[in-house]
N, C-alpha and C. Protein backbone atom coordinates (compact mmCIF):
# COMPACT_ATOMS: atom_id res chain seq x y z
N MET A 1 0.85 -1.17 0.00
CA MET A 1 0.00 0.00 0.00
C MET A 1 0.89 1.23 0.00
N GLN A 2 0.59 2.20 -0.84
CA GLN A 2 1.37 3.41 -0.93
C GLN A 2 1.13 4.28 0.29
N GLN A 3 2.18 4.89 0.80
CA GLN A 3 2.09 5.71 2.00
C GLN A 3 2.24 7.17 1.64
N ASN A 4 1.60 8.02 2.41
CA ASN A 4 1.72 9.46 2.24
C ASN A 4 3.05 9.93 2.81
N PRO A 5 3.44 11.19 2.53
CA PRO A 5 4.71 11.70 3.05
C PRO A 5 4.77 11.63 4.57
N GLN A 6 5.99 11.66 5.07
CA GLN A 6 6.19 11.58 6.51
C GLN A 6 5.70 12.84 7.21
N PHE A 7 5.25 12.65 8.45
CA PHE A 7 4.86 13.76 9.30
C PHE A 7 6.03 14.08 10.22
N PRO A 8 6.03 15.25 10.88
CA PRO A 8 7.16 15.64 11.73
C PRO A 8 7.53 14.60 12.78
N ALA A 9 6.57 13.87 13.29
CA ALA A 9 6.86 12.87 14.32
C ALA A 9 7.54 11.63 13.73
N GLY A 10 7.68 11.57 12.43
CA GLY A 10 8.35 10.44 11.81
C GLY A 10 7.40 9.29 11.49
N ARG A 11 6.11 9.49 11.65
CA ARG A 11 5.13 8.44 11.37
C ARG A 11 4.50 8.67 10.00
N ARG A 12 4.11 7.58 9.39
CA ARG A 12 3.43 7.67 8.10
C ARG A 12 1.96 7.36 8.29
N ILE A 13 1.14 7.97 7.46
CA ILE A 13 -0.29 7.71 7.49
C ILE A 13 -0.66 6.98 6.21
N SER A 14 -1.30 5.85 6.36
CA SER A 14 -1.70 5.06 5.20
C SER A 14 -3.15 5.36 4.85
N HIS A 15 -3.57 4.88 3.72
CA HIS A 15 -4.96 5.04 3.29
C HIS A 15 -5.90 4.33 4.26
N ALA A 16 -5.47 3.20 4.80
CA ALA A 16 -6.29 2.47 5.76
C ALA A 16 -6.51 3.29 7.03
N THR A 17 -5.48 3.99 7.48
CA THR A 17 -5.61 4.83 8.67
C THR A 17 -6.60 5.97 8.41
N ILE A 18 -6.52 6.57 7.26
CA ILE A 18 -7.45 7.66 6.91
C ILE A 18 -8.88 7.13 6.86
N LEU A 19 -9.07 5.94 6.30
CA LEU A 19 -10.40 5.33 6.24
C LEU A 19 -10.92 5.03 7.65
N ILE A 20 -10.08 4.49 8.51
CA ILE A 20 -10.48 4.18 9.88
C ILE A 20 -10.88 5.47 10.60
N VAL A 21 -10.11 6.53 10.43
CA VAL A 21 -10.44 7.81 11.07
C VAL A 21 -11.75 8.36 10.52
N ALA A 22 -11.97 8.27 9.22
CA ALA A 22 -13.21 8.77 8.62
C ALA A 22 -14.43 8.01 9.16
N ILE A 23 -14.32 6.69 9.24
CA ILE A 23 -15.42 5.89 9.77
C ILE A 23 -15.66 6.22 11.24
N ALA A 24 -14.59 6.39 12.00
CA ALA A 24 -14.72 6.72 13.42
C ALA A 24 -15.39 8.08 13.61
N VAL A 25 -15.03 9.05 12.79
CA VAL A 25 -15.64 10.38 12.89
C VAL A 25 -17.13 10.31 12.54
N CYS A 26 -17.47 9.60 11.49
CA CYS A 26 -18.89 9.43 11.12
C CYS A 26 -19.67 8.74 12.23
N ALA A 27 -19.10 7.69 12.79
CA ALA A 27 -19.76 6.97 13.88
C ALA A 27 -19.94 7.87 15.10
N ALA A 28 -18.92 8.66 15.41
CA ALA A 28 -19.00 9.56 16.56
C ALA A 28 -20.06 10.64 16.34
N CYS A 29 -20.16 11.17 15.13
CA CYS A 29 -21.18 12.18 14.82
C CYS A 29 -22.59 11.60 14.93
N LEU A 30 -22.80 10.42 14.36
CA LEU A 30 -24.10 9.77 14.47
C LEU A 30 -24.43 9.41 15.91
N LEU A 31 -23.43 8.99 16.65
CA LEU A 31 -23.60 8.69 18.07
C LEU A 31 -24.06 9.94 18.81
N GLY A 32 -23.39 11.06 18.57
CA GLY A 32 -23.78 12.32 19.21
C GLY A 32 -25.19 12.74 18.86
N TRP A 33 -25.56 12.62 17.58
CA TRP A 33 -26.92 12.98 17.18
C TRP A 33 -27.94 12.08 17.86
N SER A 34 -27.68 10.79 17.89
CA SER A 34 -28.63 9.84 18.48
C SER A 34 -28.86 10.12 19.95
N VAL A 35 -27.78 10.35 20.68
CA VAL A 35 -27.90 10.63 22.11
C VAL A 35 -28.61 11.96 22.33
N ALA A 36 -28.26 12.98 21.55
CA ALA A 36 -28.90 14.29 21.71
C ALA A 36 -30.40 14.20 21.42
N TYR A 37 -30.78 13.48 20.39
CA TYR A 37 -32.19 13.33 20.04
C TYR A 37 -32.95 12.59 21.15
N THR A 38 -32.38 11.50 21.60
CA THR A 38 -33.02 10.71 22.64
C THR A 38 -33.06 11.47 23.95
N TYR A 39 -32.01 12.23 24.24
CA TYR A 39 -31.97 13.03 25.46
C TYR A 39 -33.16 14.00 25.49
N GLY A 40 -33.43 14.62 24.33
CA GLY A 40 -34.58 15.52 24.24
C GLY A 40 -35.90 14.80 24.46
N GLN A 41 -36.01 13.60 23.91
CA GLN A 41 -37.24 12.81 24.10
C GLN A 41 -37.43 12.46 25.58
N LEU A 42 -36.36 12.01 26.23
CA LEU A 42 -36.46 11.64 27.64
C LEU A 42 -36.78 12.86 28.50
N ARG A 43 -36.25 14.00 28.14
CA ARG A 43 -36.55 15.22 28.89
C ARG A 43 -38.02 15.61 28.73
N THR A 44 -38.54 15.47 27.52
CA THR A 44 -39.95 15.76 27.27
C THR A 44 -40.85 14.84 28.09
N ILE A 45 -40.48 13.57 28.17
CA ILE A 45 -41.24 12.61 28.98
C ILE A 45 -41.23 13.04 30.44
N ALA A 46 -40.06 13.42 30.94
CA ALA A 46 -39.92 13.80 32.34
C ALA A 46 -40.65 15.09 32.66
N GLU A 47 -40.74 16.01 31.71
CA GLU A 47 -41.41 17.29 31.95
C GLU A 47 -42.89 17.11 32.28
N GLY A 48 -43.48 16.03 31.80
CA GLY A 48 -44.88 15.77 32.09
C GLY A 48 -45.12 15.28 33.52
N MET A 49 -44.05 14.85 34.19
CA MET A 49 -44.21 14.27 35.52
C MET A 49 -43.38 14.95 36.60
N LEU A 50 -42.35 15.68 36.23
CA LEU A 50 -41.43 16.27 37.20
C LEU A 50 -41.36 17.78 37.03
N PRO A 51 -40.93 18.49 38.06
CA PRO A 51 -40.69 19.94 37.91
C PRO A 51 -39.61 20.19 36.85
N ASP A 52 -39.66 21.35 36.21
CA ASP A 52 -38.72 21.64 35.12
C ASP A 52 -37.26 21.52 35.53
N ALA A 53 -36.93 21.97 36.73
CA ALA A 53 -35.54 21.92 37.19
C ALA A 53 -35.04 20.48 37.28
N VAL A 54 -35.89 19.57 37.67
CA VAL A 54 -35.51 18.16 37.78
C VAL A 54 -35.59 17.49 36.40
N ALA A 55 -36.60 17.81 35.62
CA ALA A 55 -36.79 17.20 34.30
C ALA A 55 -35.61 17.49 33.38
N ARG A 56 -35.01 18.65 33.53
CA ARG A 56 -33.87 19.02 32.68
C ARG A 56 -32.72 18.04 32.85
N TRP A 57 -32.53 17.54 34.06
CA TRP A 57 -31.39 16.67 34.36
C TRP A 57 -31.76 15.19 34.42
N TRP A 58 -33.03 14.86 34.40
CA TRP A 58 -33.45 13.48 34.55
C TRP A 58 -32.88 12.52 33.51
N PRO A 59 -32.75 12.90 32.24
CA PRO A 59 -32.18 11.94 31.28
C PRO A 59 -30.77 11.48 31.63
N LEU A 60 -30.08 12.22 32.48
CA LEU A 60 -28.75 11.76 32.90
C LEU A 60 -28.82 10.48 33.72
N ALA A 61 -30.00 10.18 34.28
CA ALA A 61 -30.17 8.91 34.99
C ALA A 61 -30.03 7.73 34.03
N VAL A 62 -30.36 7.95 32.76
CA VAL A 62 -30.20 6.92 31.75
C VAL A 62 -28.83 7.04 31.08
N TYR A 63 -28.47 8.26 30.66
CA TYR A 63 -27.25 8.42 29.89
C TYR A 63 -25.99 8.62 30.73
N GLY A 64 -26.11 8.87 32.01
CA GLY A 64 -24.93 8.91 32.87
C GLY A 64 -24.22 7.56 32.90
N PRO A 65 -24.94 6.50 33.30
CA PRO A 65 -24.31 5.17 33.26
C PRO A 65 -23.89 4.75 31.85
N TRP A 66 -24.66 5.18 30.85
CA TRP A 66 -24.33 4.86 29.45
C TRP A 66 -22.95 5.42 29.11
N PHE A 67 -22.71 6.69 29.43
CA PHE A 67 -21.43 7.31 29.10
C PHE A 67 -20.28 6.74 29.93
N VAL A 68 -20.52 6.48 31.20
CA VAL A 68 -19.46 5.89 32.03
C VAL A 68 -19.09 4.50 31.50
N ALA A 69 -20.09 3.71 31.15
CA ALA A 69 -19.82 2.38 30.58
C ALA A 69 -19.09 2.51 29.24
N ALA A 70 -19.49 3.49 28.43
CA ALA A 70 -18.84 3.69 27.14
C ALA A 70 -17.36 4.03 27.31
N LEU A 71 -17.07 4.90 28.26
CA LEU A 71 -15.66 5.25 28.51
C LEU A 71 -14.88 4.04 29.03
N SER A 72 -15.52 3.26 29.86
CA SER A 72 -14.87 2.05 30.38
C SER A 72 -14.58 1.05 29.26
N ILE A 73 -15.52 0.90 28.35
CA ILE A 73 -15.33 -0.01 27.21
C ILE A 73 -14.21 0.51 26.31
N LEU A 74 -14.20 1.81 26.08
CA LEU A 74 -13.15 2.41 25.26
C LEU A 74 -11.77 2.17 25.88
N ARG A 75 -11.67 2.39 27.18
CA ARG A 75 -10.40 2.15 27.88
C ARG A 75 -10.00 0.67 27.80
N ALA A 76 -10.96 -0.21 28.03
CA ALA A 76 -10.67 -1.64 27.99
C ALA A 76 -10.23 -2.06 26.58
N THR A 77 -10.82 -1.48 25.56
CA THR A 77 -10.45 -1.79 24.19
C THR A 77 -9.01 -1.39 23.91
N VAL A 78 -8.64 -0.20 24.34
CA VAL A 78 -7.28 0.29 24.12
C VAL A 78 -6.28 -0.57 24.89
N GLN A 79 -6.67 -1.04 26.08
CA GLN A 79 -5.79 -1.86 26.91
C GLN A 79 -5.90 -3.35 26.59
N HIS A 80 -6.65 -3.70 25.57
CA HIS A 80 -6.85 -5.10 25.14
C HIS A 80 -7.41 -5.95 26.28
N ARG A 81 -8.41 -5.43 26.96
CA ARG A 81 -9.08 -6.15 28.04
C ARG A 81 -10.55 -6.34 27.67
N ARG A 82 -11.21 -7.21 28.41
CA ARG A 82 -12.64 -7.41 28.23
C ARG A 82 -13.40 -6.45 29.12
N ALA A 83 -14.62 -6.13 28.70
CA ALA A 83 -15.45 -5.20 29.47
C ALA A 83 -16.89 -5.71 29.50
N ARG A 84 -17.07 -6.94 29.92
CA ARG A 84 -18.41 -7.54 29.89
C ARG A 84 -19.41 -6.76 30.74
N ARG A 85 -19.03 -6.40 31.94
CA ARG A 85 -19.95 -5.69 32.83
C ARG A 85 -20.33 -4.33 32.24
N SER A 86 -19.35 -3.64 31.67
CA SER A 86 -19.63 -2.35 31.05
C SER A 86 -20.54 -2.49 29.83
N TRP A 87 -20.35 -3.55 29.04
CA TRP A 87 -21.26 -3.80 27.92
C TRP A 87 -22.67 -4.07 28.42
N ALA A 88 -22.79 -4.78 29.55
CA ALA A 88 -24.11 -5.05 30.11
C ALA A 88 -24.79 -3.75 30.54
N VAL A 89 -24.03 -2.84 31.16
CA VAL A 89 -24.58 -1.55 31.57
C VAL A 89 -25.00 -0.75 30.33
N LEU A 90 -24.16 -0.75 29.31
CA LEU A 90 -24.47 -0.02 28.08
C LEU A 90 -25.72 -0.57 27.40
N LEU A 91 -25.82 -1.89 27.31
CA LEU A 91 -27.00 -2.50 26.69
C LEU A 91 -28.26 -2.22 27.51
N THR A 92 -28.15 -2.28 28.83
CA THR A 92 -29.30 -2.01 29.69
C THR A 92 -29.76 -0.56 29.55
N ALA A 93 -28.81 0.37 29.57
CA ALA A 93 -29.17 1.79 29.43
C ALA A 93 -29.78 2.07 28.06
N SER A 94 -29.25 1.43 27.01
CA SER A 94 -29.82 1.62 25.67
C SER A 94 -31.23 1.05 25.59
N ALA A 95 -31.43 -0.13 26.17
CA ALA A 95 -32.77 -0.74 26.17
C ALA A 95 -33.74 0.11 26.98
N MET A 96 -33.28 0.66 28.10
CA MET A 96 -34.15 1.51 28.92
C MET A 96 -34.54 2.78 28.16
N ALA A 97 -33.57 3.40 27.49
CA ALA A 97 -33.87 4.61 26.71
C ALA A 97 -34.86 4.30 25.60
N ALA A 98 -34.65 3.19 24.89
CA ALA A 98 -35.57 2.82 23.81
C ALA A 98 -36.96 2.53 24.36
N ALA A 99 -37.03 1.79 25.46
CA ALA A 99 -38.33 1.44 26.04
C ALA A 99 -39.07 2.68 26.52
N LEU A 100 -38.37 3.59 27.17
CA LEU A 100 -39.03 4.82 27.65
C LEU A 100 -39.52 5.68 26.49
N CYS A 101 -38.69 5.82 25.47
CA CYS A 101 -39.08 6.64 24.33
C CYS A 101 -40.25 6.02 23.57
N VAL A 102 -40.20 4.73 23.33
CA VAL A 102 -41.28 4.05 22.61
C VAL A 102 -42.54 3.98 23.46
N GLY A 103 -42.36 3.75 24.76
CA GLY A 103 -43.51 3.62 25.66
C GLY A 103 -44.34 4.88 25.78
N HIS A 104 -43.74 6.03 25.54
CA HIS A 104 -44.48 7.29 25.65
C HIS A 104 -44.79 7.90 24.29
N SER A 105 -44.76 7.09 23.25
CA SER A 105 -45.12 7.57 21.91
C SER A 105 -46.53 7.09 21.59
N SER A 106 -47.04 7.61 20.49
CA SER A 106 -48.34 7.10 20.04
C SER A 106 -48.13 5.65 19.60
N ARG A 107 -49.17 4.92 19.46
CA ARG A 107 -49.07 3.48 19.20
C ARG A 107 -48.98 3.13 17.71
N SER A 108 -48.44 4.02 16.91
CA SER A 108 -48.29 3.71 15.49
C SER A 108 -46.89 3.15 15.22
N LEU A 109 -46.77 2.40 14.16
CA LEU A 109 -45.50 1.81 13.79
C LEU A 109 -44.46 2.90 13.51
N MET A 110 -44.89 3.96 12.85
CA MET A 110 -43.96 5.05 12.52
C MET A 110 -43.43 5.72 13.79
N ALA A 111 -44.27 5.88 14.80
CA ALA A 111 -43.82 6.47 16.07
C ALA A 111 -42.81 5.55 16.76
N PHE A 112 -43.07 4.25 16.71
CA PHE A 112 -42.13 3.30 17.30
C PHE A 112 -40.75 3.43 16.63
N VAL A 113 -40.76 3.52 15.32
CA VAL A 113 -39.50 3.64 14.58
C VAL A 113 -38.83 4.97 14.90
N MET A 114 -39.59 6.05 14.85
CA MET A 114 -39.01 7.38 15.08
C MET A 114 -38.40 7.52 16.47
N PHE A 115 -39.05 6.97 17.47
CA PHE A 115 -38.57 7.13 18.84
C PHE A 115 -37.69 5.98 19.31
N GLY A 116 -37.80 4.83 18.70
CA GLY A 116 -37.02 3.67 19.13
C GLY A 116 -35.68 3.52 18.44
N VAL A 117 -35.56 4.04 17.22
CA VAL A 117 -34.33 3.87 16.47
C VAL A 117 -33.15 4.66 17.04
N PRO A 118 -33.31 5.92 17.46
CA PRO A 118 -32.12 6.66 17.95
C PRO A 118 -31.35 6.00 19.10
N PRO A 119 -31.98 5.44 20.13
CA PRO A 119 -31.16 4.77 21.15
C PRO A 119 -30.43 3.54 20.60
N ILE A 120 -31.08 2.84 19.68
CA ILE A 120 -30.43 1.68 19.07
C ILE A 120 -29.31 2.15 18.14
N THR A 121 -29.54 3.24 17.43
CA THR A 121 -28.50 3.80 16.57
C THR A 121 -27.29 4.22 17.39
N ALA A 122 -27.53 4.82 18.55
CA ALA A 122 -26.41 5.20 19.42
C ALA A 122 -25.59 3.98 19.81
N LEU A 123 -26.25 2.91 20.14
CA LEU A 123 -25.56 1.68 20.52
C LEU A 123 -24.76 1.11 19.34
N VAL A 124 -25.37 1.06 18.17
CA VAL A 124 -24.70 0.53 16.99
C VAL A 124 -23.51 1.40 16.60
N CYS A 125 -23.68 2.72 16.65
CA CYS A 125 -22.58 3.62 16.31
C CYS A 125 -21.42 3.47 17.30
N PHE A 126 -21.75 3.32 18.57
CA PHE A 126 -20.69 3.12 19.55
C PHE A 126 -19.97 1.81 19.29
N TRP A 127 -20.72 0.77 18.98
CA TRP A 127 -20.12 -0.53 18.66
C TRP A 127 -19.15 -0.38 17.49
N GLU A 128 -19.57 0.34 16.46
CA GLU A 128 -18.71 0.55 15.29
C GLU A 128 -17.48 1.37 15.67
N LEU A 129 -17.66 2.37 16.48
CA LEU A 129 -16.53 3.19 16.94
C LEU A 129 -15.52 2.34 17.69
N ILE A 130 -15.99 1.47 18.56
CA ILE A 130 -15.09 0.57 19.30
C ILE A 130 -14.39 -0.37 18.32
N GLY A 131 -15.10 -0.83 17.30
CA GLY A 131 -14.48 -1.67 16.29
C GLY A 131 -13.34 -0.96 15.57
N GLN A 132 -13.52 0.33 15.30
CA GLN A 132 -12.47 1.09 14.64
C GLN A 132 -11.27 1.28 15.56
N VAL A 133 -11.54 1.55 16.82
CA VAL A 133 -10.45 1.72 17.79
C VAL A 133 -9.69 0.41 17.96
N SER A 134 -10.42 -0.70 18.08
CA SER A 134 -9.74 -1.98 18.27
C SER A 134 -8.95 -2.38 17.04
N SER A 135 -9.45 -2.07 15.84
CA SER A 135 -8.68 -2.40 14.63
C SER A 135 -7.45 -1.52 14.53
N LYS A 136 -7.56 -0.27 14.96
CA LYS A 136 -6.40 0.63 14.96
C LYS A 136 -5.36 0.13 15.95
N CYS A 137 -5.80 -0.36 17.12
CA CYS A 137 -4.87 -0.91 18.11
C CYS A 137 -4.17 -2.14 17.56
N LYS A 138 -4.88 -2.97 16.80
CA LYS A 138 -4.27 -4.17 16.21
C LYS A 138 -3.24 -3.78 15.16
N ILE A 139 -3.54 -2.72 14.38
CA ILE A 139 -2.58 -2.26 13.37
C ILE A 139 -1.31 -1.79 14.07
N ARG A 140 -1.47 -0.98 15.12
CA ARG A 140 -0.30 -0.49 15.86
C ARG A 140 0.47 -1.63 16.49
N GLN A 141 -0.24 -2.59 17.07
CA GLN A 141 0.40 -3.72 17.70
C GLN A 141 1.17 -4.53 16.66
N GLY A 142 0.59 -4.70 15.48
CA GLY A 142 1.26 -5.41 14.40
C GLY A 142 2.50 -4.67 13.92
N ALA A 143 2.41 -3.36 13.80
CA ALA A 143 3.55 -2.55 13.37
C ALA A 143 4.66 -2.62 14.41
N HIS A 144 4.30 -2.62 15.70
CA HIS A 144 5.29 -2.71 16.76
C HIS A 144 5.98 -4.06 16.72
N ALA A 145 5.24 -5.11 16.47
CA ALA A 145 5.80 -6.46 16.39
C ALA A 145 6.78 -6.56 15.21
N GLN A 146 6.44 -5.91 14.08
CA GLN A 146 7.32 -5.94 12.92
C GLN A 146 8.63 -5.21 13.21
N ARG A 147 8.53 -4.05 13.89
CA ARG A 147 9.75 -3.30 14.24
C ARG A 147 10.60 -4.11 15.20
N SER A 148 9.98 -4.78 16.16
CA SER A 148 10.73 -5.57 17.14
C SER A 148 11.43 -6.74 16.44
N ALA A 149 10.78 -7.32 15.45
CA ALA A 149 11.37 -8.45 14.73
C ALA A 149 12.59 -8.02 13.91
N ARG A 150 12.59 -6.79 13.42
CA ARG A 150 13.71 -6.28 12.62
C ARG A 150 14.96 -6.05 13.47
N MET A 151 14.77 -5.73 14.73
CA MET A 151 15.91 -5.40 15.60
C MET A 151 16.62 -6.59 16.08
């Protein structure tokens, strides 16, 4: 594979690296949109039952553990460790967000799709983002092994 010119740090960037970064950026953007959309839905649900000051922060009860688990999974991926418990928290928080959003929508199929897809999209985008990070770690690990073998 042809490599681009060297950067000041002495590292080269390949086409595969650029592709991985592009996919990761797209996944991160979609993840942000999905969470922001669902956050608004959860806040609207809470406004019907809680005072405004509390309703504004209530979605953090769902997305607080979601983000902490996501960071834990990201760290575990970089460190080549498993994160089963964190994945369970992430899946539970995603299912709770989807259930709450769908449960407070009208009973039409289109409403189920409109309100249920964003929490699932957030989960899928995060999964893809982790896949990009783990593949990037494998590339680096492979490059390190090749350099070590040359010495």
